[in-house]
N, C-alpha and C. Protein backbone atom coordinates (compact mmCIF):
# COMPACT_ATOMS: atom_id res chain seq x y z
N MET A 1 -13.64 9.81 4.94
CA MET A 1 -12.12 9.79 5.60
C MET A 1 -11.61 10.42 5.16
N TYR A 2 -11.02 11.07 3.80
CA TYR A 2 -10.35 12.28 3.38
C TYR A 2 -10.18 13.12 4.12
N GLN A 3 -11.23 14.06 4.46
CA GLN A 3 -11.96 14.66 4.99
C GLN A 3 -11.09 14.94 6.24
N GLY A 4 -11.62 13.55 6.90
CA GLY A 4 -10.81 13.84 8.50
C GLY A 4 -9.67 13.60 8.18
N LEU A 5 -8.74 13.38 7.62
CA LEU A 5 -7.93 13.00 8.08
C LEU A 5 -7.25 14.78 7.74
N LEU A 6 -7.58 15.33 6.10
CA LEU A 6 -7.72 16.86 5.57
C LEU A 6 -7.39 17.78 7.32
N GLY A 7 -8.86 17.09 7.88
CA GLY A 7 -8.78 18.18 8.83
C GLY A 7 -7.97 17.55 10.34
N ARG A 8 -7.05 16.84 10.48
CA ARG A 8 -5.78 16.55 11.43
C ARG A 8 -4.90 17.66 10.89
N LYS A 9 -4.75 18.44 10.03
CA LYS A 9 -3.81 19.12 9.07
C LYS A 9 -2.40 17.93 9.05
N ILE A 10 -2.77 17.06 8.84
CA ILE A 10 -1.32 16.23 8.53
C ILE A 10 -0.64 16.68 7.24
N ARG A 11 0.71 16.47 7.74
CA ARG A 11 1.76 16.99 6.43
C ARG A 11 2.35 16.18 6.16
N ILE A 12 1.27 15.57 4.81
CA ILE A 12 1.86 14.58 3.77
C ILE A 12 1.21 15.66 2.32
N GLY A 13 1.48 14.94 1.24
CA GLY A 13 1.13 14.85 0.00
C GLY A 13 -0.02 14.40 0.01
N THR A 14 -0.73 15.01 -0.54
CA THR A 14 -2.68 15.21 -1.08
C THR A 14 -2.78 13.61 -1.79
N GLN A 15 -2.03 13.30 -2.18
CA GLN A 15 -2.32 12.47 -2.69
C GLN A 15 -1.63 10.89 -2.03
N ASP A 16 -0.74 11.30 -1.59
CA ASP A 16 -0.28 10.23 -0.17
C ASP A 16 -1.79 10.24 0.60
N LEU A 17 -2.34 11.33 0.69
CA LEU A 17 -3.61 11.37 1.74
C LEU A 17 -4.44 10.44 1.73
N ARG A 18 -4.78 11.21 0.55
CA ARG A 18 -6.02 10.22 -0.41
C ARG A 18 -5.46 8.53 -0.41
N ILE A 19 -4.31 8.57 -0.71
CA ILE A 19 -4.27 7.05 -0.56
C ILE A 19 -4.36 6.10 0.84
N ALA A 20 -3.82 7.00 1.87
CA ALA A 20 -4.24 6.76 3.24
C ALA A 20 -5.59 6.44 3.23
N ALA A 21 -6.37 7.63 2.90
CA ALA A 21 -7.39 7.35 3.08
C ALA A 21 -8.65 6.12 2.43
N ILE A 22 -8.01 6.07 1.18
CA ILE A 22 -8.60 4.23 1.09
C ILE A 22 -8.48 3.39 1.63
N THR A 23 -7.15 3.06 1.82
CA THR A 23 -6.39 2.29 2.65
C THR A 23 -7.26 2.24 4.24
N LEU A 24 -7.95 3.46 4.61
CA LEU A 24 -8.45 3.44 6.26
C LEU A 24 -9.94 2.54 5.74
N ALA A 25 -10.85 3.12 4.40
CA ALA A 25 -12.07 2.95 3.97
C ALA A 25 -12.68 1.76 3.90
N HIS A 26 -11.28 1.25 3.79
CA HIS A 26 -11.22 -0.58 3.12
C HIS A 26 -10.74 -1.01 4.10
N ARG A 27 -10.21 -0.41 5.11
CA ARG A 27 -10.05 -1.19 6.51
C ARG A 27 -8.45 -2.78 6.01
N ALA A 28 -7.99 -1.73 5.07
CA ALA A 28 -6.86 -2.72 4.60
C ALA A 28 -5.62 -2.15 4.79
N THR A 29 -4.36 -3.13 4.70
CA THR A 29 -2.89 -2.43 4.62
C THR A 29 -2.41 -2.31 3.56
N LEU A 30 -1.65 -0.75 3.98
CA LEU A 30 -0.99 -0.06 2.76
C LEU A 30 0.44 -0.74 2.66
N ILE A 31 0.71 -1.11 1.45
CA ILE A 31 1.78 -2.22 1.22
C ILE A 31 2.55 -0.97 0.55
N THR A 32 3.85 -0.37 0.68
CA THR A 32 4.60 0.37 0.40
C THR A 32 5.95 0.62 0.79
N SER A 33 7.24 0.91 -0.48
CA SER A 33 8.65 1.21 0.77
C SER A 33 8.80 2.73 0.94
N ASN A 34 7.62 3.58 1.05
CA ASN A 34 7.34 5.10 1.28
C ASN A 34 7.00 5.01 2.54
N ARG A 35 7.35 4.57 3.85
CA ARG A 35 6.80 4.53 4.92
C ARG A 35 6.99 6.36 5.73
N ARG A 36 8.07 7.18 5.13
CA ARG A 36 8.30 8.10 5.74
C ARG A 36 7.06 8.99 5.90
N HIS A 37 6.22 8.86 4.83
CA HIS A 37 5.10 9.91 5.29
C HIS A 37 3.76 9.25 5.54
N PHE A 38 3.74 7.96 5.41
CA PHE A 38 2.28 6.88 6.46
C PHE A 38 2.72 7.20 7.94
N HIS A 39 3.57 7.17 8.43
CA HIS A 39 3.60 6.50 9.79
C HIS A 39 3.24 7.61 10.93
N LEU A 40 2.90 8.61 9.75
CA LEU A 40 2.37 10.38 10.47
C LEU A 40 0.65 9.95 10.68
N ILE A 41 0.41 8.56 10.48
CA ILE A 41 -1.22 8.43 10.58
C ILE A 41 -1.31 7.29 11.38
N ALA A 42 -1.17 7.14 12.87
CA ALA A 42 -0.96 5.88 13.70
C ALA A 42 -1.52 4.69 13.43
N GLU A 43 -3.15 5.28 13.20
CA GLU A 43 -3.95 4.20 12.97
C GLU A 43 -4.14 3.08 11.26
N LEU A 44 -2.52 3.34 10.70
CA LEU A 44 -3.04 3.16 8.71
C LEU A 44 -2.04 1.96 9.61
N PRO A 45 -2.26 0.51 9.44
CA PRO A 45 -1.47 -0.25 9.12
C PRO A 45 -0.34 -0.58 8.01
N VAL A 46 0.83 -0.33 7.80
CA VAL A 46 1.50 -0.16 6.74
C VAL A 46 2.81 -1.11 6.77
N GLU A 47 2.72 -1.84 5.53
CA GLU A 47 3.87 -2.68 5.79
C GLU A 47 4.72 -2.44 4.68
N ASP A 48 5.99 -3.09 4.51
CA ASP A 48 7.17 -2.68 3.51
C ASP A 48 7.57 -4.03 3.42
N TRP A 49 6.90 -4.46 2.21
CA TRP A 49 7.59 -5.69 1.57
C TRP A 49 9.54 -6.11 1.04
N ASN A 50 9.81 -4.34 0.87
CA ASN A 50 11.03 -4.58 0.71
C ASN A 50 12.02 -5.06 1.82
N ALA A 51 11.30 -4.04 2.99
CA ALA A 51 12.41 -4.44 4.28
C ALA A 51 13.32 -5.64 4.24
N PRO A 52 14.42 -5.81 4.85
CA PRO A 52 14.87 -7.02 4.78
C PRO A 52 14.29 -8.15 6.15
């Protein structure tokens, strides 16, 4: 997963890319208040529990 995301030249940090890859590999939902970078990966389900 990581290599696939890396090959797409998504401009986010290495650690965020690894987190996204792990989340996708486990078919999980990423819970974060930092949606800024993760929204660049369309197939990544993201939830922000801090949002009103």
